[in-house]
PDB file of N, CA and C in Angstrom:
ATOM      1  N   MET A   1     101.911  92.818  90.891  1.00  0.00           N
ATOM      2  CA  MET A   1     100.929  93.611  91.618  1.00  0.00           C
ATOM      3  C   MET A   1     101.595  94.918  92.069  1.00  0.00           C
ATOM      4  N   THR A   2     100.923  96.028  91.849  1.00  0.00           N
ATOM      5  CA  THR A   2     101.484  97.319  92.232  1.00  0.00           C
ATOM      6  C   THR A   2     101.308  97.551  93.733  1.00  0.00           C
ATOM      7  N   GLN A   3     102.004  98.569  94.200  1.00  0.00           N
ATOM      8  CA  GLN A   3     101.934  98.937  95.617  1.00  0.00           C
ATOM      9  C   GLN A   3     100.493  99.291  95.997  1.00  0.00           C
ATOM     10  N   ARG A   4      99.829 100.045  95.148  1.00  0.00           N
ATOM     11  CA  ARG A   4      98.444 100.457  95.411  1.00  0.00           C
ATOM     12  C   ARG A   4      97.525  99.244  95.485  1.00  0.00           C
ATOM     13  N   GLN A   5      97.658  98.313  94.540  1.00  0.00           N
ATOM     14  CA  GLN A   5      96.802  97.134  94.526  1.00  0.00           C
ATOM     15  C   GLN A   5      97.028  96.266  95.764  1.00  0.00           C
ATOM     16  N   GLU A   6      98.284  96.126  96.161  1.00  0.00           N
ATOM     17  CA  GLU A   6      98.585  95.324  97.344  1.00  0.00           C
ATOM     18  C   GLU A   6      98.009  95.966  98.604  1.00  0.00           C
ATOM     19  N   LEU A   7      98.114  97.296  98.686  1.00  0.00           N
ATOM     20  CA  LEU A   7      97.558  98.002  99.837  1.00  0.00           C
ATOM     21  C   LEU A   7      96.034  97.876  99.877  1.00  0.00           C
ATOM     22  N   ILE A   8      95.396  98.006  98.728  1.00  0.00           N
ATOM     23  CA  ILE A   8      93.937  97.844  98.659  1.00  0.00           C
ATOM     24  C   ILE A   8      93.544  96.445  99.116  1.00  0.00           C
ATOM     25  N   GLN A   9      94.288  95.442  98.669  1.00  0.00           N
ATOM     26  CA  GLN A   9      93.990  94.063  99.056  1.00  0.00           C
ATOM     27  C   GLN A   9      94.144  93.867 100.564  1.00  0.00           C
ATOM     28  N   LEU A  10      95.208  94.422 101.162  1.00  0.00           N
ATOM     29  CA  LEU A  10      95.414  94.308 102.606  1.00  0.00           C
ATOM     30  C   LEU A  10      94.294  94.996 103.392  1.00  0.00           C
ATOM     31  N   VAL A  11      93.912  96.184 102.955  1.00  0.00           N
ATOM     32  CA  VAL A  11      92.857  96.940 103.639  1.00  0.00           C
ATOM     33  C   VAL A  11      91.518  96.212 103.521  1.00  0.00           C
ATOM     34  N   ASP A  12      91.204  95.712 102.331  1.00  0.00           N
ATOM     35  CA  ASP A  12      89.939  94.995 102.143  1.00  0.00           C
ATOM     36  C   ASP A  12      89.897  93.709 102.971  1.00  0.00           C
ATOM     37  N   THR A  13      91.012  92.993 103.025  1.00  0.00           N
ATOM     38  CA  THR A  13      91.076  91.770 103.831  1.00  0.00           C
ATOM     39  C   THR A  13      90.860  92.086 105.303  1.00  0.00           C
ATOM     40  N   ALA A  14      91.517  93.127 105.791  1.00  0.00           N
ATOM     41  CA  ALA A  14      91.359  93.521 107.199  1.00  0.00           C
ATOM     42  C   ALA A  14      89.921  93.946 107.481  1.00  0.00           C
ATOM     43  N   PHE A  15      89.302  94.644 106.547  1.00  0.00           N
ATOM     44  CA  PHE A  15      87.925  95.100 106.727  1.00  0.00           C
ATOM     45  C   PHE A  15      86.978  93.910 106.864  1.00  0.00           C
ATOM     46  N   VAL A  16      87.168  92.888 106.039  1.00  0.00           N
ATOM     47  CA  VAL A  16      86.275  91.732 106.036  1.00  0.00           C
ATOM     48  C   VAL A  16      86.559  90.798 107.207  1.00  0.00           C
ATOM     49  N   GLN A  17      87.831  90.566 107.517  1.00  0.00           N
ATOM     50  CA  GLN A  17      88.208  89.550 108.502  1.00  0.00           C
ATOM     51  C   GLN A  17      87.979  89.970 109.950  1.00  0.00           C
ATOM     52  N   VAL A  18      88.250  91.224 110.286  1.00  0.00           N
ATOM     53  CA  VAL A  18      88.178  91.659 111.683  1.00  0.00           C
ATOM     54  C   VAL A  18      86.806  92.287 111.945  1.00  0.00           C
ATOM     55  N   GLN A  19      86.011  91.610 112.761  1.00  0.00           N
ATOM     56  CA  GLN A  19      84.652  92.067 113.065  1.00  0.00           C
ATOM     57  C   GLN A  19      84.484  92.408 114.544  1.00  0.00           C
ATOM     58  N   LEU A  20      85.567  92.632 115.265  1.00  0.00           N
ATOM     59  CA  LEU A  20      85.498  92.885 116.703  1.00  0.00           C
ATOM     60  C   LEU A  20      84.848  94.240 116.980  1.00  0.00           C
ATOM     61  N   PRO A  21      83.957  94.316 117.976  1.00  0.00           N
ATOM     62  CA  PRO A  21      83.255  95.576 118.253  1.00  0.00           C
ATOM     63  C   PRO A  21      84.181  96.700 118.719  1.00  0.00           C
ATOM     64  N   GLN A  22      85.293  96.386 119.352  1.00  0.00           N
ATOM     65  CA  GLN A  22      86.193  97.437 119.827  1.00  0.00           C
ATOM     66  C   GLN A  22      86.875  98.179 118.673  1.00  0.00           C
ATOM     67  N   PHE A  23      86.872  97.596 117.481  1.00  0.00           N
ATOM     68  CA  PHE A  23      87.506  98.230 116.320  1.00  0.00           C
ATOM     69  C   PHE A  23      86.477  98.757 115.321  1.00  0.00           C
ATOM     70  N   GLU A  24      85.244  98.956 115.750  1.00  0.00           N
ATOM     71  CA  GLU A  24      84.187  99.373 114.832  1.00  0.00           C
ATOM     72  C   GLU A  24      84.495 100.729 114.181  1.00  0.00           C
ATOM     73  N   THR A  25      85.008 101.669 114.955  1.00  0.00           N
ATOM     74  CA  THR A  25      85.353 102.984 114.407  1.00  0.00           C
ATOM     75  C   THR A  25      86.486 102.866 113.398  1.00  0.00           C
ATOM     76  N   PHE A  26      87.505 102.101 113.759  1.00  0.00           N
ATOM     77  CA  PHE A  26      88.630 101.915 112.850  1.00  0.00           C
ATOM     78  C   PHE A  26      88.193 101.158 111.600  1.00  0.00           C
ATOM     79  N   ARG A  27      87.279 100.223 111.761  1.00  0.00           N
ATOM     80  CA  ARG A  27      86.778  99.454 110.613  1.00  0.00           C
ATOM     81  C   ARG A  27      86.078 100.384 109.614  1.00  0.00           C
ATOM     82  N   ALA A  28      85.342 101.349 110.119  1.00  0.00           N
ATOM     83  CA  ALA A  28      84.701 102.331 109.241  1.00  0.00           C
ATOM     84  C   ALA A  28      85.754 103.156 108.505  1.00  0.00           C
ATOM     85  N   GLN A  29      86.842 103.500 109.199  1.00  0.00           N
ATOM     86  CA  GLN A  29      87.924 104.233 108.550  1.00  0.00           C
ATOM     87  C   GLN A  29      88.578 103.393 107.456  1.00  0.00           C
ATOM     88  N   LEU A  30      88.711 102.089 107.695  1.00  0.00           N
ATOM     89  CA  LEU A  30      89.281 101.200 106.675  1.00  0.00           C
ATOM     90  C   LEU A  30      88.444 101.227 105.398  1.00  0.00           C
ATOM     91  N   GLY A  31      87.132 101.237 105.564  1.00  0.00           N
ATOM     92  CA  GLY A  31      86.258 101.332 104.397  1.00  0.00           C
ATOM     93  C   GLY A  31      86.503 102.607 103.613  1.00  0.00           C
ATOM     94  N   GLN A  32      86.697 103.710 104.325  1.00  0.00           N
ATOM     95  CA  GLN A  32      86.980 104.978 103.656  1.00  0.00           C
ATOM     96  C   GLN A  32      88.342 104.960 102.975  1.00  0.00           C
ATOM     97  N   PHE A  33      89.346 104.382 103.638  1.00  0.00           N
ATOM     98  CA  PHE A  33      90.677 104.278 103.028  1.00  0.00           C
ATOM     99  C   PHE A  33      90.622 103.443 101.749  1.00  0.00           C
ATOM    100  N   SER A  34      89.873 102.369 101.765  1.00  0.00           N
ATOM    101  CA  SER A  34      89.740 101.521 100.588  1.00  0.00           C
ATOM    102  C   SER A  34      89.088 102.294  99.432  1.00  0.00           C
ATOM    103  N   MET A  35      88.032 103.047  99.752  1.00  0.00           N
ATOM    104  CA  MET A  35      87.379 103.849  98.715  1.00  0.00           C
ATOM    105  C   MET A  35      88.325 104.909  98.173  1.00  0.00           C
ATOM    106  N   ASP A  36      89.084 105.565  99.054  1.00  0.00           N
ATOM    107  CA  ASP A  36      90.039 106.585  98.614  1.00  0.00           C
ATOM    108  C   ASP A  36      91.071 106.000  97.659  1.00  0.00           C
ATOM    109  N   LEU A  37      91.610 104.844  98.024  1.00  0.00           N
ATOM    110  CA  LEU A  37      92.615 104.202  97.171  1.00  0.00           C
ATOM    111  C   LEU A  37      92.019 103.767  95.839  1.00  0.00           C
ATOM    112  N   THR A  38      90.813 103.258  95.866  1.00  0.00           N
ATOM    113  CA  THR A  38      90.155 102.800  94.646  1.00  0.00           C
ATOM    114  C   THR A  38      89.851 103.966  93.710  1.00  0.00           C
ATOM    115  N   HIS A  39      89.537 105.120  94.282  1.00  0.00           N
ATOM    116  CA  HIS A  39      89.169 106.280  93.466  1.00  0.00           C
ATOM    117  C   HIS A  39      90.353 107.174  93.127  1.00  0.00           C
ATOM    118  N   GLY A  40      91.589 106.700  93.381  1.00  0.00           N
ATOM    119  CA  GLY A  40      92.768 107.407  92.894  1.00  0.00           C
ATOM    120  C   GLY A  40      93.410 108.399  93.829  1.00  0.00           C
ATOM    121  N   ALA A  41      93.114 108.351  95.114  1.00  0.00           N
ATOM    122  CA  ALA A  41      93.785 109.253  96.053  1.00  0.00           C
ATOM    123  C   ALA A  41      95.277 108.937  96.075  1.00  0.00           C
ATOM    124  N   GLU A  42      96.072 109.907  96.446  1.00  0.00           N
ATOM    125  CA  GLU A  42      97.519 109.717  96.491  1.00  0.00           C
ATOM    126  C   GLU A  42      97.857 108.636  97.526  1.00  0.00           C
ATOM    127  N   THR A  43      98.623 107.641  97.107  1.00  0.00           N
ATOM    128  CA  THR A  43      98.926 106.486  97.952  1.00  0.00           C
ATOM    129  C   THR A  43      99.681 106.889  99.205  1.00  0.00           C
ATOM    130  N   THR A  44     100.657 107.761  99.082  1.00  0.00           N
ATOM    131  CA  THR A  44     101.456 108.174 100.240  1.00  0.00           C
ATOM    132  C   THR A  44     100.589 108.873 101.276  1.00  0.00           C
ATOM    133  N   GLN A  45      99.713 109.732 100.831  1.00  0.00           N
ATOM    134  CA  GLN A  45      98.824 110.451 101.746  1.00  0.00           C
ATOM    135  C   GLN A  45      97.905 109.476 102.484  1.00  0.00           C
ATOM    136  N   VAL A  46      97.378 108.490 101.787  1.00  0.00           N
ATOM    137  CA  VAL A  46      96.511 107.495 102.413  1.00  0.00           C
ATOM    138  C   VAL A  46      97.308 106.655 103.406  1.00  0.00           C
ATOM    139  N   MET A  47      98.549 106.297 103.046  1.00  0.00           N
ATOM    140  CA  MET A  47      99.374 105.493 103.952  1.00  0.00           C
ATOM    141  C   MET A  47      99.692 106.252 105.236  1.00  0.00           C
ATOM    142  N   ILE A  48      99.943 107.545 105.142  1.00  0.00           N
ATOM    143  CA  ILE A  48     100.214 108.347 106.340  1.00  0.00           C
ATOM    144  C   ILE A  48      98.979 108.383 107.236  1.00  0.00           C
ATOM    145  N   ALA A  49      97.808 108.614 106.642  1.00  0.00           N
ATOM    146  CA  ALA A  49      96.567 108.623 107.427  1.00  0.00           C
ATOM    147  C   ALA A  49      96.269 107.249 108.006  1.00  0.00           C
ATOM    148  N   LEU A  50      96.570 106.210 107.259  1.00  0.00           N
ATOM    149  CA  LEU A  50      96.343 104.845 107.722  1.00  0.00           C
ATOM    150  C   LEU A  50      97.251 104.495 108.887  1.00  0.00           C
ATOM    151  N   ARG A  51      98.504 104.931 108.820  1.00  0.00           N
ATOM    152  CA  ARG A  51      99.436 104.679 109.935  1.00  0.00           C
ATOM    153  C   ARG A  51      98.952 105.383 111.200  1.00  0.00           C
ATOM    154  N   LYS A  52      98.499 106.614 111.051  1.00  0.00           N
ATOM    155  CA  LYS A  52      97.987 107.361 112.206  1.00  0.00           C
ATOM    156  C   LYS A  52      96.766 106.655 112.800  1.00  0.00           C
ATOM    157  N   ALA A  53      95.870 106.205 111.944  1.00  0.00           N
ATOM    158  CA  ALA A  53      94.663 105.519 112.418  1.00  0.00           C
ATOM    159  C   ALA A  53      95.011 104.192 113.093  1.00  0.00           C
ATOM    160  N   LEU A  54      95.992 103.473 112.565  1.00  0.00           N
ATOM    161  CA  LEU A  54      96.406 102.215 113.181  1.00  0.00           C
ATOM    162  C   LEU A  54      96.982 102.439 114.574  1.00  0.00           C
ATOM    163  N   LEU A  55      97.751 103.499 114.734  1.00  0.00           N
ATOM    164  CA  LEU A  55      98.333 103.791 116.046  1.00  0.00           C
ATOM    165  C   LEU A  55      97.271 104.200 117.064  1.00  0.00           C
ATOM    166  N   GLN A  56      96.107 104.636 116.581  1.00  0.00           N
ATOM    167  CA  GLN A  56      95.041 105.053 117.476  1.00  0.00           C
ATOM    168  C   GLN A  56      93.864 104.076 117.480  1.00  0.00           C
ATOM    169  N   ALA A  57      94.038 102.915 116.863  1.00  0.00           N
ATOM    170  CA  ALA A  57      92.944 101.946 116.750  1.00  0.00           C
ATOM    171  C   ALA A  57      92.522 101.379 118.101  1.00  0.00           C
ATOM    172  N   ASP A  58      93.485 101.130 118.994  1.00  0.00           N
ATOM    173  CA  ASP A  58      93.165 100.590 120.316  1.00  0.00           C
ATOM    174  C   ASP A  58      93.961 101.378 121.349  1.00  0.00           C
ATOM    175  N   LEU A  59      93.361 102.419 121.874  1.00  0.00           N
ATOM    176  CA  LEU A  59      94.055 103.300 122.813  1.00  0.00           C
ATOM    177  C   LEU A  59      94.234 102.675 124.192  1.00  0.00           C
ATOM    178  N   SER A  60      93.630 101.511 124.432  1.00  0.00           N
ATOM    179  CA  SER A  60      93.819 100.843 125.714  1.00  0.00           C
ATOM    180  C   SER A  60      95.194 100.175 125.812  1.00  0.00           C
ATOM    181  N   LEU A  61      95.854  99.988 124.664  1.00  0.00           N
ATOM    182  CA  LEU A  61      97.191  99.392 124.654  1.00  0.00           C
ATOM    183  C   LEU A  61      98.238 100.442 124.995  1.00  0.00           C
ATOM    184  N   LYS A  62      99.288 100.019 125.671  1.00  0.00           N
ATOM    185  CA  LYS A  62     100.398 100.936 125.942  1.00  0.00           C
ATOM    186  C   LYS A  62     101.058 101.307 124.629  1.00  0.00           C
ATOM    187  N   LEU A  63     101.704 102.456 124.603  1.00  0.00           N
ATOM    188  CA  LEU A  63     102.249 102.997 123.373  1.00  0.00           C
ATOM    189  C   LEU A  63     103.175 102.035 122.646  1.00  0.00           C
ATOM    190  N   LYS A  64     104.066 101.366 123.359  1.00  0.00           N
ATOM    191  CA  LYS A  64     105.013 100.484 122.679  1.00  0.00           C
ATOM    192  C   LYS A  64     104.367  99.189 122.192  1.00  0.00           C
ATOM    193  N   ASN A  65     103.146  98.892 122.620  1.00  0.00           N
ATOM    194  CA  ASN A  65     102.443  97.685 122.181  1.00  0.00           C
ATOM    195  C   ASN A  65     101.273  97.987 121.248  1.00  0.00           C
ATOM    196  N   ARG A  66     101.178  99.210 120.764  1.00  0.00           N
ATOM    197  CA  ARG A  66     100.019  99.604 119.957  1.00  0.00           C
ATOM    198  C   ARG A  66      99.857  98.751 118.704  1.00  0.00           C
ATOM    199  N   ILE A  67     100.934  98.394 118.036  1.00  0.00           N
ATOM    200  CA  ILE A  67     100.831  97.606 116.815  1.00  0.00           C
ATOM    201  C   ILE A  67     100.835  96.117 117.131  1.00  0.00           C
ATOM    202  N   ALA A  68     101.700  95.688 118.049  1.00  0.00           N
ATOM    203  CA  ALA A  68     101.801  94.265 118.387  1.00  0.00           C
ATOM    204  C   ALA A  68     100.500  93.731 118.989  1.00  0.00           C
ATOM    205  N   GLY A  69      99.710  94.577 119.624  1.00  0.00           N
ATOM    206  CA  GLY A  69      98.470  94.140 120.249  1.00  0.00           C
ATOM    207  C   GLY A  69      97.272  94.124 119.317  1.00  0.00           C
ATOM    208  N   LEU A  70      97.460  94.550 118.086  1.00  0.00           N
ATOM    209  CA  LEU A  70      96.353  94.580 117.125  1.00  0.00           C
ATOM    210  C   LEU A  70      96.168  93.213 116.473  1.00  0.00           C
ATOM    211  N   PRO A  71      95.014  92.978 115.867  1.00  0.00           N
ATOM    212  CA  PRO A  71      94.819  91.733 115.114  1.00  0.00           C
ATOM    213  C   PRO A  71      95.844  91.599 113.982  1.00  0.00           C
ATOM    214  N   VAL A  72      96.095  90.380 113.569  1.00  0.00           N
ATOM    215  CA  VAL A  72      97.121  90.074 112.562  1.00  0.00           C
ATOM    216  C   VAL A  72      96.896  90.854 111.264  1.00  0.00           C
ATOM    217  N   GLU A  73      95.658  90.990 110.843  1.00  0.00           N
ATOM    218  CA  GLU A  73      95.360  91.688 109.590  1.00  0.00           C
ATOM    219  C   GLU A  73      95.765  93.162 109.673  1.00  0.00           C
ATOM    220  N   TYR A  74      95.587  93.782 110.828  1.00  0.00           N
ATOM    221  CA  TYR A  74      95.974  95.179 110.998  1.00  0.00           C
ATOM    222  C   TYR A  74      97.492  95.315 111.050  1.00  0.00           C
ATOM    223  N   ARG A  75      98.137  94.375 111.704  1.00  0.00           N
ATOM    224  CA  ARG A  75      99.607  94.399 111.749  1.00  0.00           C
ATOM    225  C   ARG A  75     100.192  94.217 110.359  1.00  0.00           C
ATOM    226  N   ALA A  76      99.550  93.422 109.520  1.00  0.00           N
ATOM    227  CA  ALA A  76     100.035  93.224 108.149  1.00  0.00           C
ATOM    228  C   ALA A  76     100.005  94.539 107.374  1.00  0.00           C
ATOM    229  N   ILE A  77      98.969  95.333 107.572  1.00  0.00           N
ATOM    230  CA  ILE A  77      98.897  96.645 106.922  1.00  0.00           C
ATOM    231  C   ILE A  77     100.048  97.520 107.412  1.00  0.00           C
ATOM    232  N   TYR A  78     100.242  97.561 108.730  1.00  0.00           N
ATOM    233  CA  TYR A  78     101.304  98.395 109.290  1.00  0.00           C
ATOM    234  C   TYR A  78     102.673  97.937 108.791  1.00  0.00           C
ATOM    235  N   ASP A  79     102.905  96.626 108.760  1.00  0.00           N
ATOM    236  CA  ASP A  79     104.187  96.100 108.285  1.00  0.00           C
ATOM    237  C   ASP A  79     104.423  96.418 106.818  1.00  0.00           C
ATOM    238  N   PHE A  80     103.359  96.557 106.045  1.00  0.00           N
ATOM    239  CA  PHE A  80     103.495  96.926 104.636  1.00  0.00           C
ATOM    240  C   PHE A  80     103.817  98.403 104.469  1.00  0.00           C
ATOM    241  N   ILE A  81     103.123  99.270 105.234  1.00  0.00           N
ATOM    242  CA  ILE A  81     103.299 100.703 105.002  1.00  0.00           C
ATOM    243  C   ILE A  81     104.505 101.297 105.735  1.00  0.00           C
ATOM    244  N   ALA A  82     104.967 100.673 106.811  1.00  0.00           N
ATOM    245  CA  ALA A  82     106.085 101.243 107.583  1.00  0.00           C
ATOM    246  C   ALA A  82     107.337 101.446 106.731  1.00  0.00           C
ATOM    247  N   PRO A  83     107.796 100.440 105.971  1.00  0.00           N
ATOM    248  CA  PRO A  83     108.990 100.668 105.145  1.00  0.00           C
ATOM    249  C   PRO A  83     108.748 101.695 104.029  1.00  0.00           C
ATOM    250  N   GLU A  84     107.527 101.707 103.504  1.00  0.00           N
ATOM    251  CA  GLU A  84     107.207 102.655 102.430  1.00  0.00           C
ATOM    252  C   GLU A  84     107.259 104.101 102.929  1.00  0.00           C
ATOM    253  N   LEU A  85     106.849 104.308 104.172  1.00  0.00           N
ATOM    254  CA  LEU A  85     106.816 105.660 104.720  1.00  0.00           C
ATOM    255  C   LEU A  85     108.142 106.090 105.328  1.00  0.00           C
ATOM    256  N   LYS A  86     109.075 105.170 105.470  1.00  0.00           N
ATOM    257  CA  LYS A  86     110.350 105.515 106.086  1.00  0.00           C
ATOM    258  C   LYS A  86     111.066 106.620 105.293  1.00  0.00           C
ATOM    259  N   ALA A  87     111.058 106.524 103.984  1.00  0.00           N
ATOM    260  CA  ALA A  87     111.685 107.550 103.148  1.00  0.00           C
ATOM    261  C   ALA A  87     110.947 108.882 103.265  1.00  0.00           C
ATOM    262  N   VAL A  88     109.618 108.809 103.317  1.00  0.00           N
ATOM    263  CA  VAL A  88     108.822 110.025 103.477  1.00  0.00           C
ATOM    264  C   VAL A  88     109.125 110.666 104.828  1.00  0.00           C
ATOM    265  N   ASP A  89     109.196 109.858 105.872  1.00  0.00           N
ATOM    266  CA  ASP A  89     109.492 110.370 107.201  1.00  0.00           C
ATOM    267  C   ASP A  89     110.866 111.029 107.246  1.00  0.00           C
ATOM    268  N   THR A  90     111.848 110.449 106.590  1.00  0.00           N
ATOM    269  CA  THR A  90     113.188 111.007 106.570  1.00  0.00           C
ATOM    270  C   THR A  90     113.174 112.385 105.909  1.00  0.00           C
ATOM    271  N   GLN A  91     112.465 112.512 104.817  1.00  0.00           N
ATOM    272  CA  GLN A  91     112.370 113.808 104.142  1.00  0.00           C
ATOM    273  C   GLN A  91     111.674 114.835 105.029  1.00  0.00           C
ATOM    274  N   THR A  92     110.629 114.418 105.734  1.00  0.00           N
ATOM    275  CA  THR A  92     109.903 115.321 106.624  1.00  0.00           C
ATOM    276  C   THR A  92     110.789 115.782 107.769  1.00  0.00           C
ATOM    277  N   VAL A  93     111.531 114.849 108.368  1.00  0.00           N
ATOM    278  CA  VAL A  93     112.445 115.204 109.455  1.00  0.00           C
ATOM    279  C   VAL A  93     113.487 116.201 108.958  1.00  0.00           C
ATOM    280  N   ASP A  94     114.036 115.964 107.775  1.00  0.00           N
ATOM    281  CA  ASP A  94     115.025 116.885 107.218  1.00  0.00           C
ATOM    282  C   ASP A  94     114.435 118.272 107.010  1.00  0.00           C
ATOM    283  N   LYS A  95     113.212 118.329 106.527  1.00  0.00           N
ATOM    284  CA  LYS A  95     112.563 119.620 106.283  1.00  0.00           C
ATOM    285  C   LYS A  95     112.349 120.381 107.596  1.00  0.00           C
ATOM    286  N   TYR A  96     111.812 119.690 108.603  1.00  0.00           N
ATOM    287  CA  TYR A  96     111.545 120.350 109.872  1.00  0.00           C
ATOM    288  C   TYR A  96     112.826 120.704 110.619  1.00  0.00           C
ATOM    289  N   THR A  97     113.866 119.901 110.498  1.00  0.00           N
ATOM    290  CA  THR A  97     115.136 120.200 111.147  1.00  0.00           C
ATOM    291  C   THR A  97     115.701 121.504 110.599  1.00  0.00           C
ATOM    292  N   HIS A  98     115.513 121.722 109.319  1.00  0.00           N
ATOM    293  CA  HIS A  98     115.994 122.949 108.691  1.00  0.00           C
ATOM    294  C   HIS A  98     115.341 124.184 109.312  1.00  0.00           C
ATOM    295  N   TYR A  99     114.095 124.090 109.703  1.00  0.00           N
ATOM    296  CA  TYR A  99     113.374 125.233 110.275  1.00  0.00           C
ATOM    297  C   TYR A  99     113.396 125.271 111.800  1.00  0.00           C
ATOM    298  N   GLY A 100     114.103 124.325 112.433  1.00  0.00           N
ATOM    299  CA  GLY A 100     114.223 124.349 113.876  1.00  0.00           C
ATOM    300  C   GLY A 100     113.211 123.495 114.614  1.00  0.00           C
ATOM    301  N   PHE A 101     112.407 122.716 113.902  1.00  0.00           N
ATOM    302  CA  PHE A 101     111.433 121.820 114.520  1.00  0.00           C
ATOM    303  C   PHE A 101     111.795 120.382 114.171  1.00  0.00           C
ATOM    304  N   VAL A 102     111.668 119.500 115.109  1.00  0.00           N
ATOM    305  CA  VAL A 102     111.888 118.077 114.850  1.00  0.00           C
ATOM    306  C   VAL A 102     110.621 117.336 115.264  1.00  0.00           C
ATOM    307  N   PRO A 103     109.935 116.693 114.316  1.00  0.00           N
ATOM    308  CA  PRO A 103     108.736 115.950 114.682  1.00  0.00           C
ATOM    309  C   PRO A 103     109.108 114.705 115.470  1.00  0.00           C
ATOM    310  N   LEU A 104     108.382 114.464 116.544  1.00  0.00           N
ATOM    311  CA  LEU A 104     108.610 113.272 117.335  1.00  0.00           C
ATOM    312  C   LEU A 104     107.816 112.116 116.746  1.00  0.00           C
ATOM    313  N   LYS A 105     108.083 110.923 117.223  1.00  0.00           N
ATOM    314  CA  LYS A 105     107.530 109.724 116.638  1.00  0.00           C
ATOM    315  C   LYS A 105     106.001 109.685 116.617  1.00  0.00           C
ATOM    316  N   PHE A 106     105.354 110.234 117.609  1.00  0.00           N
ATOM    317  CA  PHE A 106     103.896 110.105 117.686  1.00  0.00           C
ATOM    318  C   PHE A 106     103.171 111.428 117.511  1.00  0.00           C
ATOM    319  N   GLY A 107     103.723 112.329 116.717  1.00  0.00           N
ATOM    320  CA  GLY A 107     102.973 113.490 116.295  1.00  0.00           C
ATOM    321  C   GLY A 107     103.312 114.809 116.941  1.00  0.00           C
ATOM    322  N   SER A 108     104.077 114.845 118.021  1.00  0.00           N
ATOM    323  CA  SER A 108     104.437 116.110 118.638  1.00  0.00           C
ATOM    324  C   SER A 108     105.691 116.669 117.977  1.00  0.00           C
ATOM    325  N   THR A 109     106.022 117.891 118.313  1.00  0.00           N
ATOM    326  CA  THR A 109     107.249 118.489 117.800  1.00  0.00           C
ATOM    327  C   THR A 109     108.026 119.126 118.937  1.00  0.00           C
ATOM    328  N   VAL A 110     109.315 119.257 118.733  1.00  0.00           N
ATOM    329  CA  VAL A 110     110.179 119.932 119.692  1.00  0.00           C
ATOM    330  C   VAL A 110     110.874 121.042 118.938  1.00  0.00           C
ATOM    331  N   LYS A 111     110.865 122.244 119.501  1.00  0.00           N
ATOM    332  CA  LYS A 111     111.517 123.376 118.856  1.00  0.00           C
ATOM    333  C   LYS A 111     112.868 123.616 119.527  1.00  0.00           C
ATOM    334  N   TYR A 112     113.864 123.753 118.673  1.00  0.00           N
ATOM    335  CA  TYR A 112     115.205 124.061 119.160  1.00  0.00           C
ATOM    336  C   TYR A 112     115.489 125.530 118.890  1.00  0.00           C
ATOM    337  N   PRO A 113     116.090 126.236 119.854  1.00  0.00           N
ATOM    338  CA  PRO A 113     116.340 127.672 119.660  1.00  0.00           C
ATOM    339  C   PRO A 113     117.414 127.933 118.635  1.00  0.00           C
TER     340      PRO A 113
END
């Protein structure tokens, strides 16, 4: 099974299994991510958007518990994409460090003089 197929399977499973009303907005995003992956969107780009959406799925959770507090199906998606994006994140950090910006873990940046 390819990386894309496994990701599609995880997203589809999460979409079907989790029916909680507090995740209705995120569930709609999962449907869009599944369609994007099925129609050939770039896997890395979808994984980055999916990671961002997962971190914002339940804003009532404290930042360090954002993933641990999610349903098991959502955590499985995050656990799958986190190692895949680690290399991408390293390249991004290297690029921004070269220009004097360092992206922080949750989307902000710090500029060094």
